Amino acid sequence: MTNDPSPPSAGPMSLLFDVWLVMSLASRLLDDALAGSGLTGDDFGMYSLVRRFGPVTPSQLSRWTGMGATTVSAYLKRIEARGHAQRTPNPADRRSYLIGLSSDGVATHDAATAAFLAAMHTLAPAFQPDSLDERLALQRLDTALRDATGMDPRPYTVTGDIGENAESRRLSYRGEPLNTEQERLVRHYIDFVRAQPVDDRP
């Protein structure tokens, strides 16, 4: 890859343009990482939402993601065509339905999760000791964008005190010191566990 010289600049672009650039780069990183899984980055995101918070209506997915109804419908049709989703009646509205992942969909998501976490860990060295500060900043931006577009709040919240309680978020370990590769594997496993649905989550 060649690095072309940057063109002359009169200063930074707008915040909204910054978001667009970050979004494009994140899509590139995820698509490259997930290439062997059969899923794109957008596919993985939709599978993750449906698995974590489903069964859910297509309209709720639209309100969480900001995607148009036809775009969400197209994603769900592809997921169903792969045999990775299953519909159930919506008891709250007979005109609608709920969508959840099938067992094959869960297995596909599990297989892709390893590649997703590997991609995430390529960024980890830039965010030491953790990425809490950045995630809280992104959450504030997410809230502002949802207010501006009239979308529902995201279905989860990032919490935590910046800096002061970092120690309390660490796991204790009394064994022999881990080498670099062992620590990397432990971090991957912790992230994998945290990515799984919890039965008693509301």
Protein backbone atom coordinates (compact mmCIF):
# COMPACT_ATOMS: atom_id res chain seq x y z
CA MET A 1 0.00 0.00 0.00
CA THR A 2 1.35 3.42 -0.95
CA ASN A 3 0.85 6.43 1.25
CA ASP A 4 -0.04 9.36 -0.95
CA PRO A 5 0.85 12.74 0.52
CA SER A 6 -2.04 14.46 2.24
CA PRO A 7 -3.46 17.42 0.32
CA PRO A 8 -3.10 20.91 1.77
CA SER A 9 -5.65 21.53 4.53
CA ALA A 10 -7.13 24.74 5.85
CA GLY A 11 -8.18 22.96 9.05
CA PRO A 12 -10.36 20.11 10.28
CA MET A 13 -13.70 19.18 8.81
CA SER A 14 -16.92 19.09 10.87
CA LEU A 15 -17.76 16.66 13.67
CA LEU A 16 -20.37 15.00 11.48
CA PHE A 17 -17.75 14.45 8.76
CA ASP A 18 -15.41 12.98 11.38
CA VAL A 19 -18.16 10.48 12.27
CA TRP A 20 -18.61 9.54 8.61
CA LEU A 21 -14.88 8.88 8.20
CA VAL A 22 -14.73 6.77 11.37
CA MET A 23 -17.81 4.82 10.25
CA SER A 24 -16.21 4.08 6.86
CA LEU A 25 -12.96 2.92 8.43
CA ALA A 26 -14.75 0.75 10.99
CA SER A 27 -16.73 -0.90 8.17
CA ARG A 28 -13.50 -1.61 6.29
CA LEU A 29 -11.83 -3.15 9.34
CA LEU A 30 -14.85 -5.35 10.13
CA ASP A 31 -15.47 -6.44 6.55
CA ASP A 32 -11.81 -7.47 6.17
CA ALA A 33 -11.76 -9.29 9.51
CA LEU A 34 -15.02 -11.16 8.87
CA ALA A 35 -14.32 -12.06 5.23
CA GLY A 36 -13.83 -15.73 6.04
CA SER A 37 -17.01 -15.99 8.12
CA GLY A 38 -19.49 -15.35 5.33
CA LEU A 39 -20.75 -12.23 7.12
CA THR A 40 -20.07 -8.56 6.48
CA GLY A 41 -19.57 -6.09 9.29
CA ASP A 42 -23.15 -4.89 8.87
CA ASP A 43 -24.39 -8.50 8.91
CA PHE A 44 -22.51 -9.14 12.15
CA GLY A 45 -24.00 -6.04 13.72
CA MET A 46 -27.54 -7.12 12.83
CA TYR A 47 -26.94 -10.69 14.06
CA SER A 48 -25.57 -9.26 17.32
CA LEU A 49 -28.60 -7.02 17.90
CA VAL A 50 -31.07 -9.80 17.14
CA ARG A 51 -29.23 -12.30 19.31
CA ARG A 52 -28.65 -10.03 22.28
CA PHE A 53 -32.00 -8.24 22.37
CA GLY A 54 -34.33 -10.45 20.34
CA PRO A 55 -36.75 -11.73 19.50
CA VAL A 56 -37.50 -8.22 18.30
CA THR A 57 -39.70 -6.53 15.71
CA PRO A 58 -38.21 -5.20 12.47
CA SER A 59 -39.52 -1.75 13.32
CA GLN A 60 -37.61 -1.79 16.62
CA LEU A 61 -34.43 -2.72 14.76
CA SER A 62 -35.05 0.26 12.49
CA ARG A 63 -35.49 2.60 15.46
CA TRP A 64 -32.31 1.31 17.13
CA THR A 65 -30.09 1.46 14.06
CA GLY A 66 -31.56 4.42 12.20
CA MET A 67 -31.83 2.26 9.07
CA GLY A 68 -34.91 2.62 6.90
CA ALA A 69 -37.60 -0.06 7.12
CA THR A 70 -36.79 -1.37 3.63
CA THR A 71 -33.09 -1.69 4.50
CA VAL A 72 -33.85 -3.62 7.68
CA SER A 73 -36.30 -5.81 5.76
CA ALA A 74 -33.62 -6.62 3.17
CA TYR A 75 -31.16 -7.63 5.92
CA LEU A 76 -33.73 -9.86 7.59
CA LYS A 77 -34.65 -11.54 4.30
CA ARG A 78 -30.99 -12.41 3.73
CA ILE A 79 -30.67 -13.77 7.27
CA GLU A 80 -33.81 -15.86 6.82
CA ALA A 81 -32.66 -17.11 3.40
CA ARG A 82 -29.53 -18.50 5.08
CA GLY A 83 -31.67 -20.33 7.63
CA HIS A 84 -30.25 -18.15 10.39
CA ALA A 85 -33.47 -16.53 11.62
CA GLN A 86 -36.91 -17.57 12.73
CA ARG A 87 -40.14 -15.59 12.92
CA THR A 88 -42.69 -15.81 15.68
CA PRO A 89 -46.02 -13.99 16.05
CA ASN A 90 -45.91 -10.69 17.90
CA PRO A 91 -48.38 -11.02 20.80
CA ALA A 92 -48.56 -7.22 21.11
CA ASP A 93 -49.45 -6.60 17.45
CA ARG A 94 -50.83 -9.23 15.08
CA ARG A 95 -49.83 -7.10 12.09
CA SER A 96 -46.16 -7.49 13.05
CA TYR A 97 -43.81 -10.34 13.92
CA LEU A 98 -40.75 -11.00 16.07
CA ILE A 99 -37.44 -12.11 14.63
CA GLY A 100 -34.80 -14.13 16.47
CA LEU A 101 -31.73 -16.16 15.52
CA SER A 102 -32.09 -19.85 14.80
CA SER A 103 -29.59 -22.34 16.21
CA ASP A 104 -27.67 -22.15 12.91
CA GLY A 105 -27.69 -18.37 13.20
CA VAL A 106 -26.29 -18.54 16.71
CA ALA A 107 -23.55 -20.93 15.55
CA THR A 108 -22.64 -18.62 12.67
CA HIS A 109 -22.53 -15.63 15.01
CA ASP A 110 -20.33 -17.55 17.46
CA ALA A 111 -17.90 -18.46 14.68
CA ALA A 112 -17.74 -14.84 13.47
CA THR A 113 -17.30 -13.47 16.99
CA ALA A 114 -13.73 -14.76 17.20
CA ALA A 115 -12.79 -12.77 14.09
CA PHE A 116 -14.64 -9.71 15.41
CA LEU A 117 -12.76 -9.83 18.73
CA ALA A 118 -9.45 -10.26 16.90
CA ALA A 119 -10.22 -7.08 14.94
CA MET A 120 -11.13 -5.27 18.14
CA HIS A 121 -7.85 -6.31 19.73
CA THR A 122 -5.86 -4.78 16.88
CA LEU A 123 -7.11 -1.44 18.26
CA ALA A 124 -6.52 -2.26 21.93
CA PRO A 125 -2.92 -0.97 22.23
CA ALA A 126 -4.14 2.53 21.33
CA PHE A 127 -6.60 2.56 24.25
CA GLN A 128 -4.73 1.68 27.42
CA PRO A 129 -5.61 0.73 30.11
CA ASP A 130 -9.06 0.37 28.50
CA SER A 131 -11.43 2.09 26.08
CA LEU A 132 -13.93 3.42 28.64
CA ASP A 133 -13.21 7.10 27.99
CA GLU A 134 -13.72 6.67 24.25
CA ARG A 135 -16.88 4.61 24.69
CA LEU A 136 -18.43 7.21 26.98
CA ALA A 137 -17.59 9.94 24.46
CA LEU A 138 -19.15 7.88 21.66
CA GLN A 139 -22.21 7.30 23.81
CA ARG A 140 -22.69 11.05 24.21
CA LEU A 141 -22.39 11.45 20.45
CA ASP A 142 -24.78 8.54 19.91
CA THR A 143 -27.34 10.22 22.17
CA ALA A 144 -27.00 13.52 20.31
CA LEU A 145 -27.52 11.82 16.95
CA ARG A 146 -30.57 9.95 18.24
CA ASP A 147 -32.06 13.18 19.57
CA ALA A 148 -31.45 14.87 16.22
CA THR A 149 -33.04 12.06 14.21
CA GLY A 150 -35.84 11.08 16.61
CA MET A 151 -34.57 7.52 17.01
CA ASP A 152 -35.09 5.37 20.11
CA PRO A 153 -32.32 5.21 22.75
CA ARG A 154 -29.77 2.48 22.12
CA PRO A 155 -30.72 -0.79 23.83
CA TYR A 156 -27.73 -0.75 26.19
CA THR A 157 -25.76 1.79 28.20
CA VAL A 158 -22.03 2.11 28.88
CA THR A 159 -21.42 2.98 32.52
CA GLY A 160 -18.41 3.46 34.76
CA ASP A 161 -16.33 6.14 36.43
CA ILE A 162 -13.47 7.32 34.27
CA GLY A 163 -10.02 6.80 35.73
CA GLU A 164 -10.71 6.61 39.46
CA ASN A 165 -12.26 3.14 39.55
CA ALA A 166 -10.15 1.49 36.84
CA GLU A 167 -8.61 -0.85 39.43
CA SER A 168 -12.03 -2.09 40.52
CA ARG A 169 -12.77 -3.23 36.97
CA ARG A 170 -9.76 -5.56 36.88
CA LEU A 171 -9.92 -9.26 37.64
CA SER A 172 -7.61 -10.55 40.35
CA TYR A 173 -5.19 -13.35 39.51
CA ARG A 174 -2.83 -15.04 41.99
CA GLY A 175 -1.03 -17.48 39.70
CA GLU A 176 2.27 -17.25 37.88
CA PRO A 177 2.67 -14.16 35.69
CA LEU A 178 1.26 -14.60 32.18
CA ASN A 179 3.37 -14.10 29.11
CA THR A 180 2.19 -11.78 26.36
CA GLU A 181 0.49 -14.51 24.33
CA GLN A 182 -1.30 -15.94 27.39
CA GLU A 183 -2.55 -12.48 28.36
CA ARG A 184 -3.82 -11.94 24.82
CA LEU A 185 -5.75 -15.22 24.93
CA VAL A 186 -7.24 -14.36 28.34
CA ARG A 187 -8.40 -10.97 27.05
CA HIS A 188 -9.96 -12.61 24.00
CA TYR A 189 -11.83 -15.08 26.19
CA ILE A 190 -13.07 -12.37 28.57
CA ASP A 191 -14.37 -10.36 25.64
CA PHE A 192 -16.04 -13.47 24.20
CA VAL A 193 -17.79 -14.17 27.50
CA ARG A 194 -18.93 -10.55 27.84
CA ALA A 195 -20.34 -10.66 24.29
CA GLN A 196 -22.66 -13.57 25.09
CA PRO A 197 -26.32 -13.04 26.04
CA VAL A 198 -27.15 -13.41 29.73
CA ASP A 199 -30.38 -15.26 30.48
CA ASP A 200 -31.48 -12.91 33.26
CA ARG A 201 -30.72 -9.71 31.32
CA PRO A 202 -33.95 -7.63 31.04
